[in-house]
Amino acid sequence: MNNTTLNISIIGREFSIACTDKECEELQLAATYLDNKARDIKAEGKIIDADRIALIAALRITHELLMLRNVTGFDMDEFKRRIITLKKKVDEAITMRNEG
């Protein structure tokens, strides 16, 4: 499996995420979804701090997923594994951004 670096933008902040070619498209879709949620929150005008906006967006998305689980019999263990993987990738992207 080949590794690549995916460059994404979330509410104007640039991140580089290392991922496999297989994950690239899904991560791009996830980043776009998160960016849209964050921009909606920013447009509400109640929160201006970018880190807080991202956190609230992530919380709302998590809530959506948990509600979906109740309807579809969602596999929580798989969800947890995917969240851990995505968290590692975000942590790597933040580290790379701070070093770069």
PDB file of N, CA and C in Angstrom:
ATOM      1  N   MET A   1       0.832  -1.165   0.000  1.00  0.00           N
ATOM      2  CA  MET A   1       0.000   0.000   0.000  1.00  0.00           C
ATOM      3  C   MET A   1       0.890   1.246   0.000  1.00  0.00           C
ATOM      4  N   ASN A   2       0.599   2.188  -0.874  1.00  0.00           N
ATOM      5  CA  ASN A   2       1.390   3.408  -0.951  1.00  0.00           C
ATOM      6  C   ASN A   2       0.873   4.452   0.019  1.00  0.00           C
ATOM      7  N   ASN A   3       1.801   5.184   0.610  1.00  0.00           N
ATOM      8  CA  ASN A   3       1.441   6.293   1.488  1.00  0.00           C
ATOM      9  C   ASN A   3       1.554   7.594   0.716  1.00  0.00           C
ATOM     10  N   THR A   4       0.700   8.524   1.090  1.00  0.00           N
ATOM     11  CA  THR A   4       0.697   9.824   0.455  1.00  0.00           C
ATOM     12  C   THR A   4       0.442  10.871   1.523  1.00  0.00           C
ATOM     13  N   THR A   5       0.627  12.121   1.178  1.00  0.00           N
ATOM     14  CA  THR A   5       0.317  13.211   2.086  1.00  0.00           C
ATOM     15  C   THR A   5      -0.867  13.967   1.515  1.00  0.00           C
ATOM     16  N   LEU A   6      -1.915  14.057   2.311  1.00  0.00           N
ATOM     17  CA  LEU A   6      -3.130  14.750   1.918  1.00  0.00           C
ATOM     18  C   LEU A   6      -3.114  16.128   2.550  1.00  0.00           C
ATOM     19  N   ASN A   7      -3.257  17.160   1.742  1.00  0.00           N
ATOM     20  CA  ASN A   7      -3.338  18.528   2.251  1.00  0.00           C
ATOM     21  C   ASN A   7      -4.801  18.926   2.322  1.00  0.00           C
ATOM     22  N   ILE A   8      -5.229  19.339   3.519  1.00  0.00           N
ATOM     23  CA  ILE A   8      -6.616  19.746   3.714  1.00  0.00           C
ATOM     24  C   ILE A   8      -6.662  21.116   4.360  1.00  0.00           C
ATOM     25  N   SER A   9      -7.822  21.741   4.268  1.00  0.00           N
ATOM     26  CA  SER A   9      -8.041  23.034   4.884  1.00  0.00           C
ATOM     27  C   SER A   9      -9.324  22.966   5.699  1.00  0.00           C
ATOM     28  N   ILE A  10      -9.220  23.340   6.962  1.00  0.00           N
ATOM     29  CA  ILE A  10     -10.374  23.410   7.847  1.00  0.00           C
ATOM     30  C   ILE A  10     -10.464  24.846   8.347  1.00  0.00           C
ATOM     31  N   ILE A  11     -11.541  25.509   8.011  1.00  0.00           N
ATOM     32  CA  ILE A  11     -11.777  26.926   8.311  1.00  0.00           C
ATOM     33  C   ILE A  11     -10.510  27.783   8.131  1.00  0.00           C
ATOM     34  N   GLY A  12      -9.886  27.591   7.004  1.00  0.00           N
ATOM     35  CA  GLY A  12      -8.736  28.404   6.641  1.00  0.00           C
ATOM     36  C   GLY A  12      -7.399  27.947   7.198  1.00  0.00           C
ATOM     37  N   ARG A  13      -7.374  26.919   8.009  1.00  0.00           N
ATOM     38  CA  ARG A  13      -6.120  26.391   8.549  1.00  0.00           C
ATOM     39  C   ARG A  13      -5.714  25.181   7.727  1.00  0.00           C
ATOM     40  N   GLU A  14      -4.471  25.158   7.323  1.00  0.00           N
ATOM     41  CA  GLU A  14      -3.964  24.102   6.455  1.00  0.00           C
ATOM     42  C   GLU A  14      -3.330  22.988   7.285  1.00  0.00           C
ATOM     43  N   PHE A  15      -3.606  21.759   6.885  1.00  0.00           N
ATOM     44  CA  PHE A  15      -3.044  20.592   7.549  1.00  0.00           C
ATOM     45  C   PHE A  15      -2.575  19.600   6.495  1.00  0.00           C
ATOM     46  N   SER A  16      -1.527  18.871   6.809  1.00  0.00           N
ATOM     47  CA  SER A  16      -1.051  17.777   5.973  1.00  0.00           C
ATOM     48  C   SER A  16      -1.201  16.496   6.772  1.00  0.00           C
ATOM     49  N   ILE A  17      -1.856  15.518   6.162  1.00  0.00           N
ATOM     50  CA  ILE A  17      -2.127  14.259   6.854  1.00  0.00           C
ATOM     51  C   ILE A  17      -1.528  13.117   6.047  1.00  0.00           C
ATOM     52  N   ALA A  18      -0.722  12.303   6.704  1.00  0.00           N
ATOM     53  CA  ALA A  18      -0.176  11.117   6.058  1.00  0.00           C
ATOM     54  C   ALA A  18      -1.262  10.046   6.054  1.00  0.00           C
ATOM     55  N   CYS A  19      -1.468   9.427   4.900  1.00  0.00           N
ATOM     56  CA  CYS A  19      -2.485   8.388   4.789  1.00  0.00           C
ATOM     57  C   CYS A  19      -2.135   7.464   3.625  1.00  0.00           C
ATOM     58  N   THR A  20      -2.821   6.341   3.582  1.00  0.00           N
ATOM     59  CA  THR A  20      -2.634   5.441   2.452  1.00  0.00           C
ATOM     60  C   THR A  20      -3.457   5.966   1.282  1.00  0.00           C
ATOM     61  N   ASP A  21      -3.119   5.526   0.088  1.00  0.00           N
ATOM     62  CA  ASP A  21      -3.890   5.929  -1.089  1.00  0.00           C
ATOM     63  C   ASP A  21      -5.363   5.557  -0.921  1.00  0.00           C
ATOM     64  N   LYS A  22      -5.606   4.418  -0.289  1.00  0.00           N
ATOM     65  CA  LYS A  22      -6.971   3.929  -0.079  1.00  0.00           C
ATOM     66  C   LYS A  22      -7.773   4.874   0.823  1.00  0.00           C
ATOM     67  N   GLU A  23      -7.127   5.458   1.810  1.00  0.00           N
ATOM     68  CA  GLU A  23      -7.806   6.334   2.773  1.00  0.00           C
ATOM     69  C   GLU A  23      -7.980   7.765   2.269  1.00  0.00           C
ATOM     70  N   CYS A  24      -7.213   8.141   1.288  1.00  0.00           N
ATOM     71  CA  CYS A  24      -7.127   9.534   0.847  1.00  0.00           C
ATOM     72  C   CYS A  24      -8.487  10.139   0.509  1.00  0.00           C
ATOM     73  N   GLU A  25      -9.249   9.471  -0.318  1.00  0.00           N
ATOM     74  CA  GLU A  25     -10.544  10.019  -0.746  1.00  0.00           C
ATOM     75  C   GLU A  25     -11.512  10.148   0.423  1.00  0.00           C
ATOM     76  N   GLU A  26     -11.546   9.131   1.278  1.00  0.00           N
ATOM     77  CA  GLU A  26     -12.442   9.178   2.436  1.00  0.00           C
ATOM     78  C   GLU A  26     -12.050  10.302   3.389  1.00  0.00           C
ATOM     79  N   LEU A  27     -10.750  10.464   3.610  1.00  0.00           N
ATOM     80  CA  LEU A  27     -10.295  11.541   4.492  1.00  0.00           C
ATOM     81  C   LEU A  27     -10.604  12.908   3.893  1.00  0.00           C
ATOM     82  N   GLN A  28     -10.486  13.051   2.585  1.00  0.00           N
ATOM     83  CA  GLN A  28     -10.824  14.321   1.936  1.00  0.00           C
ATOM     84  C   GLN A  28     -12.311  14.626   2.132  1.00  0.00           C
ATOM     85  N   LEU A  29     -13.156  13.614   1.975  1.00  0.00           N
ATOM     86  CA  LEU A  29     -14.586  13.799   2.201  1.00  0.00           C
ATOM     87  C   LEU A  29     -14.869  14.172   3.658  1.00  0.00           C
ATOM     88  N   ALA A  30     -14.189  13.519   4.580  1.00  0.00           N
ATOM     89  CA  ALA A  30     -14.363  13.821   6.000  1.00  0.00           C
ATOM     90  C   ALA A  30     -13.916  15.248   6.303  1.00  0.00           C
ATOM     91  N   ALA A  31     -12.804  15.668   5.728  1.00  0.00           N
ATOM     92  CA  ALA A  31     -12.295  17.025   5.942  1.00  0.00           C
ATOM     93  C   ALA A  31     -13.268  18.064   5.388  1.00  0.00           C
ATOM     94  N   THR A  32     -13.824  17.795   4.231  1.00  0.00           N
ATOM     95  CA  THR A  32     -14.793  18.712   3.629  1.00  0.00           C
ATOM     96  C   THR A  32     -16.039  18.810   4.500  1.00  0.00           C
ATOM     97  N   TYR A  33     -16.497  17.675   5.002  1.00  0.00           N
ATOM     98  CA  TYR A  33     -17.670  17.663   5.873  1.00  0.00           C
ATOM     99  C   TYR A  33     -17.401  18.458   7.151  1.00  0.00           C
ATOM    100  N   LEU A  34     -16.240  18.219   7.769  1.00  0.00           N
ATOM    101  CA  LEU A  34     -15.861  18.947   8.976  1.00  0.00           C
ATOM    102  C   LEU A  34     -15.735  20.441   8.689  1.00  0.00           C
ATOM    103  N   ASP A  35     -15.110  20.797   7.582  1.00  0.00           N
ATOM    104  CA  ASP A  35     -14.958  22.204   7.215  1.00  0.00           C
ATOM    105  C   ASP A  35     -16.322  22.873   7.046  1.00  0.00           C
ATOM    106  N   ASN A  36     -17.246  22.195   6.395  1.00  0.00           N
ATOM    107  CA  ASN A  36     -18.591  22.759   6.220  1.00  0.00           C
ATOM    108  C   ASN A  36     -19.292  22.964   7.556  1.00  0.00           C
ATOM    109  N   LYS A  37     -19.200  21.988   8.441  1.00  0.00           N
ATOM    110  CA  LYS A  37     -19.797  22.118   9.772  1.00  0.00           C
ATOM    111  C   LYS A  37     -19.165  23.279  10.540  1.00  0.00           C
ATOM    112  N   ALA A  38     -17.836  23.378  10.472  1.00  0.00           N
ATOM    113  CA  ALA A  38     -17.120  24.451  11.171  1.00  0.00           C
ATOM    114  C   ALA A  38     -17.512  25.819  10.611  1.00  0.00           C
ATOM    115  N   ARG A  39     -17.631  25.926   9.305  1.00  0.00           N
ATOM    116  CA  ARG A  39     -18.040  27.200   8.688  1.00  0.00           C
ATOM    117  C   ARG A  39     -19.464  27.579   9.083  1.00  0.00           C
ATOM    118  N   ASP A  40     -20.348  26.592   9.199  1.00  0.00           N
ATOM    119  CA  ASP A  40     -21.710  26.869   9.672  1.00  0.00           C
ATOM    120  C   ASP A  40     -21.687  27.453  11.079  1.00  0.00           C
ATOM    121  N   ILE A  41     -20.875  26.862  11.948  1.00  0.00           N
ATOM    122  CA  ILE A  41     -20.760  27.339  13.329  1.00  0.00           C
ATOM    123  C   ILE A  41     -20.168  28.748  13.346  1.00  0.00           C
ATOM    124  N   LYS A  42     -19.138  28.955  12.546  1.00  0.00           N
ATOM    125  CA  LYS A  42     -18.507  30.277  12.468  1.00  0.00           C
ATOM    126  C   LYS A  42     -19.511  31.318  11.981  1.00  0.00           C
ATOM    127  N   ALA A  43     -20.347  30.954  11.017  1.00  0.00           N
ATOM    128  CA  ALA A  43     -21.339  31.873  10.462  1.00  0.00           C
ATOM    129  C   ALA A  43     -22.402  32.259  11.498  1.00  0.00           C
ATOM    130  N   GLU A  44     -22.656  31.380  12.468  1.00  0.00           N
ATOM    131  CA  GLU A  44     -23.606  31.704  13.534  1.00  0.00           C
ATOM    132  C   GLU A  44     -23.130  32.903  14.348  1.00  0.00           C
ATOM    133  N   GLY A  45     -21.807  33.113  14.384  1.00  0.00           N
ATOM    134  CA  GLY A  45     -21.236  34.291  15.036  1.00  0.00           C
ATOM    135  C   GLY A  45     -21.118  34.236  16.541  1.00  0.00           C
ATOM    136  N   LYS A  46     -21.512  33.140  17.162  1.00  0.00           N
ATOM    137  CA  LYS A  46     -21.446  33.039  18.621  1.00  0.00           C
ATOM    138  C   LYS A  46     -20.069  32.642  19.117  1.00  0.00           C
ATOM    139  N   ILE A  47     -19.319  31.919  18.294  1.00  0.00           N
ATOM    140  CA  ILE A  47     -17.982  31.445  18.665  1.00  0.00           C
ATOM    141  C   ILE A  47     -17.011  31.936  17.597  1.00  0.00           C
ATOM    142  N   ILE A  48     -15.895  32.555  18.025  1.00  0.00           N
ATOM    143  CA  ILE A  48     -14.936  33.070  17.046  1.00  0.00           C
ATOM    144  C   ILE A  48     -13.592  32.355  17.083  1.00  0.00           C
ATOM    145  N   ASP A  49     -13.274  31.698  18.180  1.00  0.00           N
ATOM    146  CA  ASP A  49     -11.999  30.998  18.312  1.00  0.00           C
ATOM    147  C   ASP A  49     -11.996  29.746  17.434  1.00  0.00           C
ATOM    148  N   ALA A  50     -11.029  29.631  16.535  1.00  0.00           N
ATOM    149  CA  ALA A  50     -10.981  28.521  15.573  1.00  0.00           C
ATOM    150  C   ALA A  50     -10.916  27.157  16.262  1.00  0.00           C
ATOM    151  N   ASP A  51     -10.169  27.032  17.330  1.00  0.00           N
ATOM    152  CA  ASP A  51     -10.073  25.746  18.026  1.00  0.00           C
ATOM    153  C   ASP A  51     -11.419  25.352  18.631  1.00  0.00           C
ATOM    154  N   ARG A  52     -12.125  26.314  19.189  1.00  0.00           N
ATOM    155  CA  ARG A  52     -13.452  26.027  19.766  1.00  0.00           C
ATOM    156  C   ARG A  52     -14.451  25.674  18.678  1.00  0.00           C
ATOM    157  N   ILE A  53     -14.366  26.378  17.554  1.00  0.00           N
ATOM    158  CA  ILE A  53     -15.249  26.076  16.426  1.00  0.00           C
ATOM    159  C   ILE A  53     -15.026  24.640  15.973  1.00  0.00           C
ATOM    160  N   ALA A  54     -13.770  24.228  15.832  1.00  0.00           N
ATOM    161  CA  ALA A  54     -13.454  22.860  15.398  1.00  0.00           C
ATOM    162  C   ALA A  54     -13.957  21.841  16.410  1.00  0.00           C
ATOM    163  N   LEU A  55     -13.803  22.140  17.688  1.00  0.00           N
ATOM    164  CA  LEU A  55     -14.262  21.225  18.731  1.00  0.00           C
ATOM    165  C   LEU A  55     -15.779  21.082  18.701  1.00  0.00           C
ATOM    166  N   ILE A  56     -16.498  22.172  18.583  1.00  0.00           N
ATOM    167  CA  ILE A  56     -17.963  22.117  18.531  1.00  0.00           C
ATOM    168  C   ILE A  56     -18.414  21.368  17.278  1.00  0.00           C
ATOM    169  N   ALA A  57     -17.747  21.615  16.148  1.00  0.00           N
ATOM    170  CA  ALA A  57     -18.081  20.894  14.913  1.00  0.00           C
ATOM    171  C   ALA A  57     -17.873  19.391  15.099  1.00  0.00           C
ATOM    172  N   ALA A  58     -16.744  19.013  15.694  1.00  0.00           N
ATOM    173  CA  ALA A  58     -16.466  17.593  15.937  1.00  0.00           C
ATOM    174  C   ALA A  58     -17.504  16.990  16.879  1.00  0.00           C
ATOM    175  N   LEU A  59     -17.914  17.733  17.884  1.00  0.00           N
ATOM    176  CA  LEU A  59     -18.932  17.253  18.820  1.00  0.00           C
ATOM    177  C   LEU A  59     -20.264  17.038  18.098  1.00  0.00           C
ATOM    178  N   ARG A  60     -20.647  17.980  17.245  1.00  0.00           N
ATOM    179  CA  ARG A  60     -21.909  17.837  16.503  1.00  0.00           C
ATOM    180  C   ARG A  60     -21.859  16.644  15.549  1.00  0.00           C
ATOM    181  N   ILE A  61     -20.721  16.448  14.896  1.00  0.00           N
ATOM    182  CA  ILE A  61     -20.584  15.305  13.984  1.00  0.00           C
ATOM    183  C   ILE A  61     -20.643  13.997  14.763  1.00  0.00           C
ATOM    184  N   THR A  62     -19.992  13.946  15.906  1.00  0.00           N
ATOM    185  CA  THR A  62     -20.037  12.752  16.750  1.00  0.00           C
ATOM    186  C   THR A  62     -21.467  12.465  17.183  1.00  0.00           C
ATOM    187  N   HIS A  63     -22.185  13.506  17.537  1.00  0.00           N
ATOM    188  CA  HIS A  63     -23.589  13.344  17.914  1.00  0.00           C
ATOM    189  C   HIS A  63     -24.391  12.756  16.753  1.00  0.00           C
ATOM    190  N   GLU A  64     -24.180  13.264  15.553  1.00  0.00           N
ATOM    191  CA  GLU A  64     -24.857  12.728  14.369  1.00  0.00           C
ATOM    192  C   GLU A  64     -24.571  11.230  14.215  1.00  0.00           C
ATOM    193  N   LEU A  65     -23.310  10.860  14.371  1.00  0.00           N
ATOM    194  CA  LEU A  65     -22.930   9.456  14.224  1.00  0.00           C
ATOM    195  C   LEU A  65     -23.575   8.575  15.288  1.00  0.00           C
ATOM    196  N   LEU A  66     -23.617   9.073  16.515  1.00  0.00           N
ATOM    197  CA  LEU A  66     -24.227   8.293  17.589  1.00  0.00           C
ATOM    198  C   LEU A  66     -25.723   8.138  17.372  1.00  0.00           C
ATOM    199  N   MET A  67     -26.382   9.169  16.871  1.00  0.00           N
ATOM    200  CA  MET A  67     -27.810   9.069  16.564  1.00  0.00           C
ATOM    201  C   MET A  67     -28.029   8.070  15.420  1.00  0.00           C
ATOM    202  N   LEU A  68     -27.137   8.082  14.456  1.00  0.00           N
ATOM    203  CA  LEU A  68     -27.213   7.145  13.341  1.00  0.00           C
ATOM    204  C   LEU A  68     -27.041   5.713  13.839  1.00  0.00           C
ATOM    205  N   ARG A  69     -26.182   5.515  14.797  1.00  0.00           N
ATOM    206  CA  ARG A  69     -25.950   4.185  15.371  1.00  0.00           C
ATOM    207  C   ARG A  69     -27.240   3.609  15.937  1.00  0.00           C
ATOM    208  N   ASN A  70     -28.004   4.437  16.606  1.00  0.00           N
ATOM    209  CA  ASN A  70     -29.257   3.973  17.197  1.00  0.00           C
ATOM    210  C   ASN A  70     -30.256   3.516  16.138  1.00  0.00           C
ATOM    211  N   VAL A  71     -30.187   4.102  14.962  1.00  0.00           N
ATOM    212  CA  VAL A  71     -31.117   3.783  13.893  1.00  0.00           C
ATOM    213  C   VAL A  71     -30.650   2.577  13.085  1.00  0.00           C
ATOM    214  N   THR A  72     -29.336   2.452  12.875  1.00  0.00           N
ATOM    215  CA  THR A  72     -28.825   1.453  11.935  1.00  0.00           C
ATOM    216  C   THR A  72     -28.100   0.276  12.575  1.00  0.00           C
ATOM    217  N   GLY A  73     -28.013   0.213  13.884  1.00  0.00           N
ATOM    218  CA  GLY A  73     -27.249  -0.866  14.500  1.00  0.00           C
ATOM    219  C   GLY A  73     -25.759  -0.682  14.272  1.00  0.00           C
ATOM    220  N   PHE A  74     -25.302   0.518  14.345  1.00  0.00           N
ATOM    221  CA  PHE A  74     -23.932   0.940  14.124  1.00  0.00           C
ATOM    222  C   PHE A  74     -22.950   0.144  14.978  1.00  0.00           C
ATOM    223  N   ASP A  75     -21.810  -0.255  14.409  1.00  0.00           N
ATOM    224  CA  ASP A  75     -20.783  -1.029  15.105  1.00  0.00           C
ATOM    225  C   ASP A  75     -19.878  -0.076  15.899  1.00  0.00           C
ATOM    226  N   MET A  76     -20.107   0.025  17.197  1.00  0.00           N
ATOM    227  CA  MET A  76     -19.368   0.961  18.043  1.00  0.00           C
ATOM    228  C   MET A  76     -17.877   0.644  18.110  1.00  0.00           C
ATOM    229  N   ASP A  77     -17.503  -0.623  18.155  1.00  0.00           N
ATOM    230  CA  ASP A  77     -16.079  -0.976  18.226  1.00  0.00           C
ATOM    231  C   ASP A  77     -15.335  -0.497  16.975  1.00  0.00           C
ATOM    232  N   GLU A  78     -15.938  -0.694  15.805  1.00  0.00           N
ATOM    233  CA  GLU A  78     -15.324  -0.214  14.571  1.00  0.00           C
ATOM    234  C   GLU A  78     -15.237   1.302  14.582  1.00  0.00           C
ATOM    235  N   PHE A  79     -16.271   1.965  15.072  1.00  0.00           N
ATOM    236  CA  PHE A  79     -16.280   3.423  15.181  1.00  0.00           C
ATOM    237  C   PHE A  79     -15.131   3.903  16.071  1.00  0.00           C
ATOM    238  N   LYS A  80     -14.934   3.264  17.195  1.00  0.00           N
ATOM    239  CA  LYS A  80     -13.856   3.637  18.110  1.00  0.00           C
ATOM    240  C   LYS A  80     -12.486   3.456  17.446  1.00  0.00           C
ATOM    241  N   ARG A  81     -12.307   2.341  16.727  1.00  0.00           N
ATOM    242  CA  ARG A  81     -11.034   2.117  16.039  1.00  0.00           C
ATOM    243  C   ARG A  81     -10.775   3.209  15.002  1.00  0.00           C
ATOM    244  N   ARG A  82     -11.802   3.579  14.258  1.00  0.00           N
ATOM    245  CA  ARG A  82     -11.642   4.612  13.229  1.00  0.00           C
ATOM    246  C   ARG A  82     -11.340   5.977  13.851  1.00  0.00           C
ATOM    247  N   ILE A  83     -11.986   6.296  14.976  1.00  0.00           N
ATOM    248  CA  ILE A  83     -11.732   7.560  15.675  1.00  0.00           C
ATOM    249  C   ILE A  83     -10.291   7.605  16.166  1.00  0.00           C
ATOM    250  N   ILE A  84      -9.798   6.512  16.716  1.00  0.00           N
ATOM    251  CA  ILE A  84      -8.409   6.455  17.193  1.00  0.00           C
ATOM    252  C   ILE A  84      -7.449   6.674  16.030  1.00  0.00           C
ATOM    253  N   THR A  85      -7.711   6.024  14.894  1.00  0.00           N
ATOM    254  CA  THR A  85      -6.866   6.193  13.710  1.00  0.00           C
ATOM    255  C   THR A  85      -6.889   7.628  13.221  1.00  0.00           C
ATOM    256  N   LEU A  86      -8.083   8.209  13.134  1.00  0.00           N
ATOM    257  CA  LEU A  86      -8.194   9.601  12.673  1.00  0.00           C
ATOM    258  C   LEU A  86      -7.530  10.568  13.659  1.00  0.00           C
ATOM    259  N   LYS A  87      -7.672  10.302  14.964  1.00  0.00           N
ATOM    260  CA  LYS A  87      -7.034  11.163  15.961  1.00  0.00           C
ATOM    261  C   LYS A  87      -5.522  11.144  15.798  1.00  0.00           C
ATOM    262  N   LYS A  88      -4.958   9.963  15.567  1.00  0.00           N
ATOM    263  CA  LYS A  88      -3.508   9.860  15.354  1.00  0.00           C
ATOM    264  C   LYS A  88      -3.087  10.673  14.138  1.00  0.00           C
ATOM    265  N   LYS A  89      -3.873  10.601  13.062  1.00  0.00           N
ATOM    266  CA  LYS A  89      -3.540  11.334  11.838  1.00  0.00           C
ATOM    267  C   LYS A  89      -3.638  12.836  12.053  1.00  0.00           C
ATOM    268  N   VAL A  90      -4.644  13.282  12.802  1.00  0.00           N
ATOM    269  CA  VAL A  90      -4.775  14.710  13.096  1.00  0.00           C
ATOM    270  C   VAL A  90      -3.614  15.165  13.972  1.00  0.00           C
ATOM    271  N   ASP A  91      -3.268  14.362  14.982  1.00  0.00           N
ATOM    272  CA  ASP A  91      -2.127  14.704  15.840  1.00  0.00           C
ATOM    273  C   ASP A  91      -0.843  14.818  15.022  1.00  0.00           C
ATOM    274  N   GLU A  92      -0.640  13.894  14.079  1.00  0.00           N
ATOM    275  CA  GLU A  92       0.540  13.948  13.207  1.00  0.00           C
ATOM    276  C   GLU A  92       0.516  15.203  12.345  1.00  0.00           C
ATOM    277  N   ALA A  93      -0.654  15.551  11.841  1.00  0.00           N
ATOM    278  CA  ALA A  93      -0.774  16.735  10.989  1.00  0.00           C
ATOM    279  C   ALA A  93      -0.464  18.002  11.776  1.00  0.00           C
ATOM    280  N   ILE A  94      -0.955  18.070  12.996  1.00  0.00           N
ATOM    281  CA  ILE A  94      -0.693  19.242  13.846  1.00  0.00           C
ATOM    282  C   ILE A  94       0.796  19.328  14.166  1.00  0.00           C
ATOM    283  N   THR A  95       1.404  18.170  14.476  1.00  0.00           N
ATOM    284  CA  THR A  95       2.839  18.142  14.766  1.00  0.00           C
ATOM    285  C   THR A  95       3.636  18.594  13.556  1.00  0.00           C
ATOM    286  N   MET A  96       3.288  18.059  12.373  1.00  0.00           N
ATOM    287  CA  MET A  96       3.997  18.444  11.139  1.00  0.00           C
ATOM    288  C   MET A  96       3.821  19.939  10.861  1.00  0.00           C
ATOM    289  N   ARG A  97       2.637  20.467  11.119  1.00  0.00           N
ATOM    290  CA  ARG A  97       2.361  21.889  10.877  1.00  0.00           C
ATOM    291  C   ARG A  97       3.201  22.758  11.812  1.00  0.00           C
ATOM    292  N   ASN A  98       3.270  22.354  13.077  1.00  0.00           N
ATOM    293  CA  ASN A  98       4.036  23.128  14.054  1.00  0.00           C
ATOM    294  C   ASN A  98       5.535  23.075  13.791  1.00  0.00           C
ATOM    295  N   GLU A  99       6.015  21.943  13.235  1.00  0.00           N
ATOM    296  CA  GLU A  99       7.435  21.802  12.939  1.00  0.00           C
ATOM    297  C   GLU A  99       7.792  22.519  11.649  1.00  0.00           C
ATOM    298  N   GLY A 100       6.838  22.610  10.734  1.00  0.00           N
ATOM    299  CA  GLY A 100       7.073  23.184   9.410  1.00  0.00           C
ATOM    300  C   GLY A 100       6.983  24.649   9.456  1.00  0.00           C
TER     301      GLY A 100
END
